[in-house]
N, C-alpha and C. Protein backbone atom coordinates (compact mmCIF):
# COMPACT_ATOMS: atom_id res chain seq x y z
N UNK A 1 118.00 104.03 76.50
CA UNK A 1 118.67 105.31 76.83
C UNK A 1 119.30 105.05 78.07
N UNK A 2 120.62 105.38 78.16
CA UNK A 2 121.21 105.32 79.45
C UNK A 2 121.47 106.74 80.07
N UNK A 3 121.06 106.78 81.43
CA UNK A 3 121.26 108.04 82.23
C UNK A 3 122.22 107.76 83.21
N UNK A 4 123.19 108.71 83.36
CA UNK A 4 124.13 108.46 84.44
C UNK A 4 123.88 109.42 85.57
N UNK A 5 123.57 109.05 86.72
CA UNK A 5 123.32 109.83 87.88
C UNK A 5 124.36 109.59 89.02
N UNK A 6 125.22 110.48 89.32
CA UNK A 6 126.21 110.24 90.28
C UNK A 6 127.16 109.10 89.65
N UNK A 7 127.19 108.02 90.48
CA UNK A 7 128.04 107.01 90.10
C UNK A 7 127.41 105.89 89.39
N UNK A 8 126.01 105.95 89.35
CA UNK A 8 125.15 104.91 88.81
C UNK A 8 124.93 105.02 87.33
N UNK A 9 124.75 104.20 86.69
CA UNK A 9 124.28 104.07 85.25
C UNK A 9 122.93 103.42 85.19
N UNK A 10 122.00 103.86 84.75
CA UNK A 10 120.57 103.41 84.81
C UNK A 10 120.01 103.32 83.43
N UNK A 11 119.52 102.28 82.97
CA UNK A 11 118.85 102.14 81.71
C UNK A 11 117.31 102.59 81.89
N UNK A 12 116.87 103.36 80.91
CA UNK A 12 115.65 103.94 81.05
C UNK A 12 114.76 103.30 79.72
N UNK A 13 113.68 102.71 79.98
CA UNK A 13 112.67 102.17 78.98
C UNK A 13 111.37 102.77 78.94
N UNK A 14 110.55 102.21 78.04
CA UNK A 14 109.23 102.88 77.83
C UNK A 14 108.40 102.58 79.05
N UNK A 15 108.65 101.50 79.92
CA UNK A 15 107.83 101.17 81.04
C UNK A 15 107.90 102.21 82.07
N UNK A 16 109.04 102.94 82.05
CA UNK A 16 109.26 104.07 83.05
C UNK A 16 108.22 105.26 82.88
N UNK A 17 107.73 105.21 81.87
CA UNK A 17 106.80 106.31 81.40
C UNK A 17 105.35 105.97 81.12
N UNK A 18 105.02 104.87 81.92
CA UNK A 18 103.58 104.41 81.78
C UNK A 18 102.61 105.35 82.63
N UNK A 19 101.29 105.42 82.31
CA UNK A 19 100.39 106.30 83.12
C UNK A 19 100.05 105.42 84.22
N UNK A 20 99.74 106.08 85.32
CA UNK A 20 99.27 105.23 86.62
C UNK A 20 98.03 104.47 86.24
N UNK A 21 97.86 103.41 87.13
CA UNK A 21 96.82 102.59 86.66
C UNK A 21 95.42 103.20 86.87
N UNK A 22 95.03 104.21 87.66
CA UNK A 22 93.86 104.78 87.89
C UNK A 22 94.19 106.38 87.68
N UNK A 23 94.23 106.88 86.52
CA UNK A 23 94.59 108.26 86.35
C UNK A 23 93.59 109.25 86.77
N UNK A 24 93.90 110.37 87.42
CA UNK A 24 92.89 111.29 87.73
C UNK A 24 92.33 112.13 86.59
N UNK A 25 91.01 112.13 86.56
CA UNK A 25 90.37 112.89 85.45
C UNK A 25 90.47 114.41 85.70
N UNK A 26 91.29 115.01 84.83
CA UNK A 26 91.50 116.58 84.96
C UNK A 26 90.39 117.34 84.22
N UNK A 27 89.45 116.77 83.58
CA UNK A 27 88.48 117.48 82.89
C UNK A 27 87.42 117.95 83.87
N UNK A 28 87.28 119.18 83.89
CA UNK A 28 86.37 119.75 84.94
C UNK A 28 84.74 119.34 84.67
N UNK A 29 84.24 119.06 85.66
CA UNK A 29 82.73 118.48 85.65
C UNK A 29 82.04 119.74 85.55
N UNK A 30 80.98 119.85 84.75
CA UNK A 30 80.00 121.07 84.51
C UNK A 30 79.16 121.18 85.81
N UNK A 31 79.06 122.43 86.18
CA UNK A 31 78.15 122.72 87.24
C UNK A 31 77.06 123.56 86.90
N UNK A 32 76.03 123.57 87.77
CA UNK A 32 74.83 124.26 87.28
C UNK A 32 73.80 123.56 86.57
N UNK A 33 72.82 124.23 85.98
CA UNK A 33 71.89 123.56 85.34
C UNK A 33 72.43 122.83 84.03
N UNK A 34 71.87 121.66 83.63
CA UNK A 34 72.41 121.01 82.54
C UNK A 34 71.25 121.09 81.49
N UNK A 35 71.59 121.59 80.32
CA UNK A 35 70.68 121.89 79.19
C UNK A 35 70.85 120.77 78.09
N UNK A 36 69.63 120.39 77.57
CA UNK A 36 69.82 119.44 76.38
C UNK A 36 69.52 119.93 75.16
N UNK A 37 68.84 121.08 75.15
CA UNK A 37 68.52 121.65 73.80
C UNK A 37 68.37 123.14 73.88
N UNK A 38 68.30 123.83 72.62
CA UNK A 38 68.39 125.34 72.73
C UNK A 38 66.82 125.71 73.28
N UNK A 39 65.81 124.83 73.04
CA UNK A 39 64.52 125.19 73.63
C UNK A 39 64.52 125.17 75.05
N UNK A 40 65.20 124.21 75.71
CA UNK A 40 65.33 124.25 77.19
C UNK A 40 65.97 125.56 77.51
N UNK A 41 67.03 125.84 76.87
CA UNK A 41 67.86 127.03 77.38
C UNK A 41 66.89 128.38 77.18
N UNK A 42 66.21 128.36 76.17
CA UNK A 42 65.25 129.59 75.91
C UNK A 42 64.17 129.48 77.07
N UNK A 43 63.72 128.44 77.42
CA UNK A 43 62.75 128.34 78.47
C UNK A 43 63.27 128.79 79.86
N UNK A 44 64.37 128.46 80.05
CA UNK A 44 65.04 128.70 81.38
C UNK A 44 65.40 130.29 81.41
N UNK A 45 65.83 130.83 80.27
CA UNK A 45 66.07 132.23 80.18
C UNK A 45 64.94 133.04 80.39
N UNK A 46 63.83 132.61 79.69
CA UNK A 46 62.54 133.27 79.98
C UNK A 46 61.99 133.28 81.39
N UNK A 47 62.03 132.05 81.94
CA UNK A 47 61.73 132.04 83.37
C UNK A 47 62.51 132.75 84.35
N UNK A 48 63.72 132.89 84.19
CA UNK A 48 64.59 133.49 85.15
C UNK A 48 64.57 135.03 84.93
N UNK A 49 64.18 135.43 83.79
CA UNK A 49 64.25 136.93 83.45
C UNK A 49 62.87 137.67 83.30
N UNK A 50 61.93 137.14 83.94
CA UNK A 50 60.60 137.72 83.93
C UNK A 50 60.53 139.10 84.46
N UNK A 51 61.31 139.38 85.44
CA UNK A 51 61.45 140.72 86.03
C UNK A 51 62.04 141.71 85.25
N UNK A 52 62.79 141.59 84.20
CA UNK A 52 63.45 142.41 83.40
C UNK A 52 62.51 143.43 82.66
N UNK A 53 61.50 142.94 82.03
CA UNK A 53 60.61 143.67 81.27
C UNK A 53 59.85 144.65 82.03
N UNK A 54 59.33 144.16 83.12
CA UNK A 54 58.63 145.22 84.12
C UNK A 54 59.54 146.41 84.70
N UNK A 55 60.84 146.03 84.74
CA UNK A 55 61.85 147.01 85.20
C UNK A 55 62.05 147.98 84.12
N UNK A 56 62.10 147.53 82.81
CA UNK A 56 62.39 148.43 81.85
C UNK A 56 61.16 149.21 81.51
N UNK A 57 59.96 148.66 81.86
CA UNK A 57 58.86 149.48 81.64
C UNK A 57 58.64 150.66 82.85
N UNK A 58 58.94 150.14 84.06
CA UNK A 58 59.03 151.21 85.08
C UNK A 58 59.90 152.33 84.93
N UNK A 59 61.07 152.00 84.42
CA UNK A 59 61.96 153.25 84.06
C UNK A 59 61.49 153.88 82.83
N UNK A 60 60.91 153.34 81.84
CA UNK A 60 60.42 153.82 80.84
C UNK A 60 59.30 154.84 80.97
N UNK A 61 58.53 154.69 82.11
CA UNK A 61 57.53 155.71 82.41
C UNK A 61 58.14 157.27 82.74
N UNK A 62 59.37 157.06 83.23
CA UNK A 62 59.98 158.38 83.49
C UNK A 62 60.80 158.82 82.32
N UNK A 63 61.72 157.89 81.79
CA UNK A 63 62.66 158.10 80.74
C UNK A 63 61.95 157.66 79.50
N UNK A 64 61.52 158.59 78.65
CA UNK A 64 60.80 158.33 77.25
C UNK A 64 61.75 158.29 76.28
N UNK A 65 61.67 157.42 75.37
CA UNK A 65 62.43 157.13 74.07
C UNK A 65 64.07 156.84 74.28
N UNK A 66 64.29 156.23 75.45
CA UNK A 66 65.67 155.93 75.54
C UNK A 66 65.70 154.57 75.98
N UNK A 67 64.96 153.63 75.12
CA UNK A 67 65.05 152.14 75.50
C UNK A 67 66.45 151.40 75.43
N UNK A 68 67.33 151.93 74.46
CA UNK A 68 68.50 151.34 74.19
C UNK A 68 69.41 151.71 75.56
N UNK A 69 69.32 153.03 75.98
CA UNK A 69 69.99 153.32 77.16
C UNK A 69 69.72 152.57 78.41
N UNK A 70 68.35 152.30 78.67
CA UNK A 70 67.93 151.51 79.57
C UNK A 70 68.54 150.19 79.73
N UNK A 71 68.31 149.53 78.41
CA UNK A 71 68.89 148.22 78.20
C UNK A 71 70.26 148.03 78.55
N UNK A 72 71.17 149.05 78.06
CA UNK A 72 72.57 149.01 78.45
C UNK A 72 72.96 149.26 79.86
N UNK A 73 72.00 150.05 80.56
CA UNK A 73 72.33 150.22 82.00
C UNK A 73 72.00 148.75 82.69
N UNK A 74 71.00 148.16 82.24
CA UNK A 74 70.58 146.92 82.88
C UNK A 74 71.72 145.80 82.68
N UNK A 75 72.28 145.84 81.50
CA UNK A 75 73.35 144.91 81.16
C UNK A 75 74.58 145.32 82.04
N UNK A 76 74.81 146.41 82.22
CA UNK A 76 76.02 146.79 83.11
C UNK A 76 75.79 146.53 84.48
N UNK A 77 74.62 146.61 85.10
CA UNK A 77 74.27 146.26 86.39
C UNK A 77 74.34 144.62 86.51
N UNK A 78 73.61 144.02 85.45
CA UNK A 78 73.50 142.56 85.74
C UNK A 78 74.92 141.75 85.52
N UNK A 79 75.78 142.54 84.85
CA UNK A 79 77.12 141.76 84.68
C UNK A 79 78.18 142.32 85.72
N UNK A 80 77.65 143.03 86.88
CA UNK A 80 78.64 143.37 87.93
C UNK A 80 79.64 144.35 87.48
N UNK A 81 79.38 145.20 86.39
CA UNK A 81 80.19 146.12 85.80
C UNK A 81 79.99 147.39 86.31
N UNK A 82 80.84 148.37 85.75
CA UNK A 82 80.71 149.71 86.16
C UNK A 82 80.05 150.64 85.09
N UNK A 83 79.42 151.66 85.13
CA UNK A 83 78.63 152.37 84.17
C UNK A 83 79.27 153.91 84.31
N UNK A 84 79.77 154.31 83.25
CA UNK A 84 80.17 155.65 83.12
C UNK A 84 79.29 156.31 82.03
N UNK A 85 78.57 157.24 82.44
CA UNK A 85 77.67 158.08 81.64
C UNK A 85 78.38 159.54 81.30
N UNK A 86 78.59 159.63 80.08
CA UNK A 86 79.09 161.08 79.79
C UNK A 86 78.25 161.71 78.64
N UNK A 87 78.29 162.97 78.67
CA UNK A 87 77.46 163.85 77.79
C UNK A 87 77.33 165.17 78.15
N UNK A 88 76.73 165.96 77.23
CA UNK A 88 76.50 167.43 77.57
C UNK A 88 75.43 167.64 78.53
N UNK A 89 75.22 168.73 79.16
CA UNK A 89 74.22 168.79 80.24
C UNK A 89 72.81 168.82 79.54
N UNK A 90 71.80 168.26 80.29
CA UNK A 90 70.56 168.27 79.93
C UNK A 90 70.05 167.08 79.14
N UNK A 91 70.80 165.86 79.19
CA UNK A 91 70.32 164.63 78.56
C UNK A 91 69.73 163.76 79.42
N UNK A 92 69.39 164.11 80.76
CA UNK A 92 68.77 163.30 81.71
C UNK A 92 69.55 162.13 82.13
N UNK A 93 70.92 162.25 82.29
CA UNK A 93 71.86 161.28 82.82
C UNK A 93 71.55 161.01 84.31
N UNK A 94 71.52 162.04 85.04
CA UNK A 94 71.18 162.00 86.50
C UNK A 94 69.90 161.33 86.77
N UNK A 95 68.86 161.87 85.99
CA UNK A 95 67.41 161.32 86.08
C UNK A 95 67.36 159.85 85.89
N UNK A 96 68.01 159.33 84.76
CA UNK A 96 67.79 157.91 84.42
C UNK A 96 68.42 157.15 85.53
N UNK A 97 69.53 157.47 86.00
CA UNK A 97 70.27 156.72 87.11
C UNK A 97 69.46 156.73 88.48
N UNK A 98 68.99 157.95 88.85
CA UNK A 98 68.09 158.03 89.91
C UNK A 98 66.71 157.29 89.87
N UNK A 99 66.24 157.10 88.66
CA UNK A 99 65.06 156.43 88.45
C UNK A 99 65.38 154.97 88.39
N UNK A 100 66.45 154.51 87.93
CA UNK A 100 66.85 153.10 88.01
C UNK A 100 67.18 152.86 89.48
N UNK A 101 67.85 153.54 90.19
CA UNK A 101 68.09 153.23 91.66
C UNK A 101 66.79 153.08 92.46
N UNK A 102 65.81 154.01 92.01
CA UNK A 102 64.59 153.79 92.76
C UNK A 102 63.77 152.72 92.34
N UNK A 103 64.01 152.22 91.17
CA UNK A 103 63.08 151.09 90.62
C UNK A 103 63.80 149.94 91.32
N UNK A 104 65.04 149.88 91.55
CA UNK A 104 65.57 148.63 92.17
C UNK A 104 65.81 148.68 93.72
N UNK A 105 65.30 149.93 94.23
CA UNK A 105 65.46 150.01 95.54
C UNK A 105 66.78 149.90 96.11
N UNK A 106 67.67 150.87 95.43
CA UNK A 106 68.98 150.89 96.11
C UNK A 106 69.56 152.38 96.08
N UNK A 107 70.59 152.71 96.60
CA UNK A 107 70.99 154.13 96.66
C UNK A 107 71.66 154.54 95.30
N UNK A 108 71.77 155.71 95.31
CA UNK A 108 72.29 156.49 94.05
C UNK A 108 73.15 157.86 94.52
N UNK A 109 74.47 157.72 94.11
CA UNK A 109 75.22 158.95 94.43
C UNK A 109 75.88 159.45 93.02
N UNK A 110 75.87 160.72 92.89
CA UNK A 110 76.33 161.34 91.69
C UNK A 110 77.81 161.88 91.91
N UNK A 111 78.79 161.43 91.12
CA UNK A 111 80.15 162.01 91.13
C UNK A 111 80.46 162.98 90.05
N UNK A 112 80.62 164.14 90.21
CA UNK A 112 80.81 165.07 89.19
C UNK A 112 82.37 165.40 88.92
N UNK A 113 82.81 165.23 87.67
CA UNK A 113 84.21 165.37 87.38
C UNK A 113 84.36 166.40 86.28
N UNK A 114 85.33 167.32 86.68
CA UNK A 114 85.70 168.27 85.69
C UNK A 114 87.26 168.19 85.53
N UNK A 115 87.69 167.92 84.16
CA UNK A 115 89.07 167.60 83.95
C UNK A 115 89.84 168.85 83.78
N UNK A 116 90.03 169.73 84.73
CA UNK A 116 90.71 171.07 84.79
C UNK A 116 92.07 170.88 85.23
């Protein structure tokens, strides 16, 4: 193939498109713990999450019959997400969040919103 640049005519061949002798590896190297089997992963999860069940039980002493709600609240907190609780008055929304805040020793503030 001929390429003309300015007043020069240059012949381009396949050698012009060769890879460098020591190419850079663009594949990211995994970081963190390396797992070799599902059993190893399960053991690691069980070791690092031993505090979750006692926390659920502590909240469950005050909030009875709302296991799914408690699990979802913990998922929201552990994933660094936001939690919006909506519902009619009297469903213990404030109580569950106040109890959770006390159990993990953090602050709690209630924001009331009326869409008027």
